[in-house]
């Protein structure tokens, strides 16, 4: 007689117990997942603010920085109330505070509008136009600019005083002077009303902060018309050269 195979049987009660065991295990597993600590909303906001501040500082130090024009020494290229952007890495990646170039990129060229630490007071920033680079011979004859013996006055240079100044000859007659190594000679476009290299000398390349490349906003506080006319709309996003 053929021996029948023994079937394992489980009672309904045992099945219920096993099901409960599976459910309990699954529940305990999900509890372990939910038990991981979550960041509080306050902590997430603080971290986001810190990251934003660090990013802003990085951009301001190494990429681009905004400046406001407070005087008329660069008329008519830059007006009082113009807000400009300055390229910080165009002349090289620099060490913060010291100004020493870590990674050279390019050298200043004649015609560049540059922001730099004022040699007589490094806590102040000045903006002028480069007219002479290392090795150039600079001479001013009766207001006219000569570089290496060639007449170099451009359309952006203006003279609002028709007289040749006698009591301070540096303004209208100067040189010849040779620009030393690692230096530039700068002038304001408003030649007769600019305090620049004619009076305090050359700018060291380590004092350069960058090259101005765009006016992103312009505000005319002397405006006497409607509120909307305080904004110089035609100057917004104007590229500088």
Protein backbone atom coordinates (compact mmCIF):
# COMPACT_ATOMS: atom_id res chain seq x y z
CA UNK A 1 0.00 0.00 0.00
CA UNK A 2 1.48 3.32 -1.06
CA UNK A 3 2.45 5.47 1.85
CA UNK A 4 0.76 8.86 1.68
CA UNK A 5 2.77 12.02 2.18
CA UNK A 6 2.17 13.78 5.40
CA UNK A 7 0.73 17.31 4.88
CA UNK A 8 1.59 19.96 7.36
CA UNK A 9 -1.52 21.55 8.65
CA UNK A 10 -1.90 24.84 10.47
CA UNK A 11 -4.89 25.85 12.44
CA UNK A 12 -6.69 29.16 11.78
CA UNK A 13 -5.53 30.38 15.18
CA UNK A 14 -1.88 29.82 14.29
CA UNK A 15 -2.35 31.61 10.98
CA UNK A 16 -3.68 34.69 12.78
CA UNK A 17 -0.71 34.66 15.16
CA UNK A 18 1.76 34.48 12.28
CA UNK A 19 0.05 37.31 10.42
CA UNK A 20 0.21 39.47 13.51
CA UNK A 21 3.90 38.67 13.82
CA UNK A 22 4.55 39.83 10.26
CA UNK A 23 2.57 43.03 10.85
CA UNK A 24 4.47 43.70 14.07
CA UNK A 25 7.82 43.27 12.33
CA UNK A 26 6.79 45.56 9.47
CA UNK A 27 5.55 48.17 11.93
CA UNK A 28 8.74 48.09 13.98
CA UNK A 29 10.79 48.51 10.78
CA UNK A 30 8.82 51.61 9.74
CA UNK A 31 9.11 52.98 13.28
CA UNK A 32 12.91 52.75 13.03
CA UNK A 33 12.80 54.74 9.77
CA UNK A 34 10.55 57.41 11.29
CA UNK A 35 12.73 57.58 14.39
CA UNK A 36 15.54 59.34 12.45
CA UNK A 37 15.72 62.97 13.63
CA UNK A 38 14.43 65.62 11.25
CA UNK A 39 15.97 69.10 10.83
CA UNK A 40 13.82 71.78 12.36
CA UNK A 41 12.48 74.52 10.12
CA UNK A 42 14.54 77.07 12.07
CA UNK A 43 17.75 75.12 11.51
CA UNK A 44 17.03 74.75 7.79
CA UNK A 45 16.42 78.49 7.48
CA UNK A 46 19.62 79.34 9.36
CA UNK A 47 21.65 77.01 7.13
CA UNK A 48 20.10 78.56 4.01
CA UNK A 49 20.92 82.08 5.25
CA UNK A 50 24.52 81.11 6.07
CA UNK A 51 25.01 79.54 2.64
CA UNK A 52 23.52 82.63 0.97
CA UNK A 53 25.83 84.95 2.94
CA UNK A 54 28.91 82.86 2.11
CA UNK A 55 27.93 82.79 -1.56
CA UNK A 56 27.37 86.56 -1.60
CA UNK A 57 30.75 87.16 0.05
CA UNK A 58 32.46 84.88 -2.47
CA UNK A 59 30.83 86.67 -5.40
CA UNK A 60 31.62 90.10 -3.95
CA UNK A 61 35.26 89.18 -3.26
CA UNK A 62 36.15 87.27 -6.40
CA UNK A 63 33.51 87.80 -9.11
CA UNK A 64 31.58 91.09 -9.19
CA UNK A 65 30.97 94.03 -6.87
CA UNK A 66 28.55 96.96 -7.01
CA UNK A 67 29.63 100.58 -6.52
CA UNK A 68 27.88 103.95 -6.52
CA UNK A 69 29.34 107.04 -8.23
CA UNK A 70 29.44 109.94 -5.72
CA UNK A 71 31.27 112.63 -7.72
CA UNK A 72 31.57 114.14 -11.20
CA UNK A 73 35.22 113.34 -11.91
CA UNK A 74 34.23 110.84 -14.62
CA UNK A 75 31.66 113.00 -16.43
CA UNK A 76 30.17 112.39 -18.93
CA UNK A 77 30.96 108.69 -18.91
CA UNK A 78 29.70 108.25 -15.36
CA UNK A 79 27.17 110.53 -13.71
CA UNK A 80 26.60 111.21 -10.02
CA UNK A 81 24.09 108.60 -8.90
CA UNK A 82 25.12 105.91 -11.38
CA UNK A 83 25.35 102.43 -9.84
CA UNK A 84 27.91 100.25 -11.56
CA UNK A 85 29.12 96.65 -11.58
CA UNK A 86 32.85 95.89 -11.42
CA UNK A 87 34.47 92.72 -12.71
CA UNK A 88 36.69 91.52 -9.84
CA UNK A 89 38.55 88.68 -11.57
CA UNK A 90 39.44 90.34 -14.91
CA UNK A 91 42.91 91.26 -13.61
CA UNK A 92 43.44 87.98 -11.75
CA UNK A 93 42.21 86.04 -8.74
CA UNK A 94 43.50 87.93 -5.71
CA UNK A 95 44.14 87.22 -2.06
CA UNK A 96 41.52 89.01 0.06
CA UNK A 97 42.87 92.05 1.97
CA UNK A 98 46.44 91.85 0.57
CA UNK A 99 45.49 92.21 -3.11
CA UNK A 100 48.29 89.88 -4.20
CA UNK A 101 47.47 88.07 -7.45
CA UNK A 102 47.19 84.30 -7.04
CA UNK A 103 46.06 83.42 -10.58
CA UNK A 104 46.87 85.99 -13.31
CA UNK A 105 44.14 86.53 -15.90
CA UNK A 106 44.88 89.75 -17.81
CA UNK A 107 46.65 93.09 -17.46
CA UNK A 108 45.01 96.54 -17.39
CA UNK A 109 44.88 98.23 -20.79
CA UNK A 110 44.67 101.85 -21.82
CA UNK A 111 41.03 102.89 -21.83
CA UNK A 112 39.92 100.56 -19.03
CA UNK A 113 37.73 102.15 -16.36
CA UNK A 114 39.13 100.80 -13.11
CA UNK A 115 38.28 100.84 -9.41
CA UNK A 116 41.24 100.90 -7.01
CA UNK A 117 42.29 101.73 -3.48
CA UNK A 118 43.10 105.42 -3.24
CA UNK A 119 46.88 105.62 -2.67
CA UNK A 120 46.58 108.44 -0.12
CA UNK A 121 43.84 106.63 1.85
CA UNK A 122 43.44 102.89 1.08
CA UNK A 123 40.13 102.81 2.97
CA UNK A 124 38.58 104.76 0.05
CA UNK A 125 37.85 103.43 -3.44
CA UNK A 126 38.47 105.61 -6.51
CA UNK A 127 37.36 105.12 -10.11
CA UNK A 128 39.33 106.52 -13.06
CA UNK A 129 40.38 105.60 -16.59
CA UNK A 130 43.74 104.01 -17.41
CA UNK A 131 45.73 106.17 -19.83
CA UNK A 132 49.19 104.70 -19.25
CA UNK A 133 50.56 101.25 -18.43
CA UNK A 134 54.02 99.98 -17.43
CA UNK A 135 56.74 101.57 -19.57
CA UNK A 136 54.53 104.26 -21.14
CA UNK A 137 55.80 107.85 -21.23
CA UNK A 138 53.02 110.24 -20.17
CA UNK A 139 53.00 113.93 -21.01
CA UNK A 140 50.30 116.61 -20.82
CA UNK A 141 50.76 119.76 -22.90
CA UNK A 142 48.21 122.54 -22.44
CA UNK A 143 45.53 119.99 -21.46
CA UNK A 144 46.31 117.59 -24.32
CA UNK A 145 47.40 114.05 -23.42
CA UNK A 146 50.37 112.42 -25.14
CA UNK A 147 51.42 108.80 -24.61
CA UNK A 148 54.81 107.76 -25.96
CA UNK A 149 54.91 110.98 -27.95
CA UNK A 150 51.51 110.41 -29.64
CA UNK A 151 48.40 112.54 -29.15
CA UNK A 152 45.90 110.36 -27.26
CA UNK A 153 42.91 112.50 -26.34
CA UNK A 154 39.63 110.64 -26.89
CA UNK A 155 36.01 111.72 -27.26
CA UNK A 156 35.21 110.69 -23.67
CA UNK A 157 37.64 113.29 -22.25
CA UNK A 158 36.00 116.66 -21.56
CA UNK A 159 37.43 120.05 -20.55
CA UNK A 160 34.94 122.33 -18.81
CA UNK A 161 37.49 125.03 -17.93
CA UNK A 162 38.87 126.80 -21.03
CA UNK A 163 41.77 128.35 -19.11
CA UNK A 164 45.26 126.93 -18.73
CA UNK A 165 45.92 126.74 -15.02
CA UNK A 166 49.11 128.49 -13.88
CA UNK A 167 49.11 128.08 -10.09
CA UNK A 168 48.98 124.26 -10.31
CA UNK A 169 50.69 123.29 -13.53
CA UNK A 170 50.20 119.55 -13.02
CA UNK A 171 46.60 119.79 -14.16
CA UNK A 172 47.24 121.17 -17.63
CA UNK A 173 50.97 120.56 -18.14
CA UNK A 174 52.87 117.55 -16.84
CA UNK A 175 55.87 115.38 -17.56
CA UNK A 176 57.15 113.58 -19.40
CA UNK A 177 56.82 110.77 -16.82
CA UNK A 178 57.53 107.07 -17.32
CA UNK A 179 55.04 104.64 -15.75
CA UNK A 180 57.05 102.31 -13.43
CA UNK A 181 56.82 98.53 -13.25
CA UNK A 182 53.55 97.03 -11.90
CA UNK A 183 51.82 100.42 -12.07
CA UNK A 184 49.31 102.41 -14.13
CA UNK A 185 48.63 106.09 -14.72
CA UNK A 186 44.98 107.12 -14.44
CA UNK A 187 42.91 110.21 -15.26
CA UNK A 188 39.29 111.22 -14.77
CA UNK A 189 37.32 111.80 -17.97
CA UNK A 190 36.30 115.20 -16.54
CA UNK A 191 39.88 116.37 -16.91
CA UNK A 192 39.60 119.80 -15.30
CA UNK A 193 37.79 118.55 -12.20
CA UNK A 194 39.42 115.24 -11.36
CA UNK A 195 41.85 114.40 -8.57
CA UNK A 196 43.99 111.73 -10.22
CA UNK A 197 47.52 110.56 -11.08
CA UNK A 198 48.54 114.09 -12.08
CA UNK A 199 48.43 115.05 -8.40
CA UNK A 200 49.20 111.91 -6.36
CA UNK A 201 51.12 109.65 -8.75
CA UNK A 202 50.78 106.11 -10.03
CA UNK A 203 48.44 103.27 -8.99
CA UNK A 204 50.07 100.01 -7.90
CA UNK A 205 48.54 96.98 -9.62
CA UNK A 206 48.04 95.32 -6.23
CA UNK A 207 45.60 98.11 -5.35
CA UNK A 208 43.32 97.37 -8.29
CA UNK A 209 39.86 96.07 -7.40
CA UNK A 210 38.56 95.48 -10.91
CA UNK A 211 37.20 96.94 -14.13
CA UNK A 212 33.83 98.67 -14.38
CA UNK A 213 31.73 97.12 -17.15
CA UNK A 214 28.08 98.12 -16.69
CA UNK A 215 25.70 100.69 -15.23
CA UNK A 216 22.85 98.69 -13.71
CA UNK A 217 20.95 101.61 -12.09
CA UNK A 218 21.04 105.40 -12.21
CA UNK A 219 19.32 107.83 -9.85
CA UNK A 220 19.16 111.59 -10.38
CA UNK A 221 18.57 113.11 -6.96
CA UNK A 222 18.72 116.63 -8.44
CA UNK A 223 15.65 115.95 -10.57
CA UNK A 224 12.93 118.58 -10.22
CA UNK A 225 10.22 116.85 -12.25
CA UNK A 226 8.02 113.84 -11.51
CA UNK A 227 9.05 110.94 -9.30
CA UNK A 228 9.50 108.65 -12.31
CA UNK A 229 12.05 111.06 -13.76
CA UNK A 230 14.40 110.47 -10.84
CA UNK A 231 15.44 107.27 -12.61
CA UNK A 232 17.67 107.72 -15.66
CA UNK A 233 16.00 104.93 -17.61
CA UNK A 234 18.26 105.31 -20.65
CA UNK A 235 21.34 104.49 -18.55
CA UNK A 236 20.11 101.23 -16.99
CA UNK A 237 22.13 98.21 -18.20
CA UNK A 238 24.42 100.50 -20.21
CA UNK A 239 27.75 98.83 -20.98
CA UNK A 240 30.92 100.82 -20.26
CA UNK A 241 33.95 101.14 -22.50
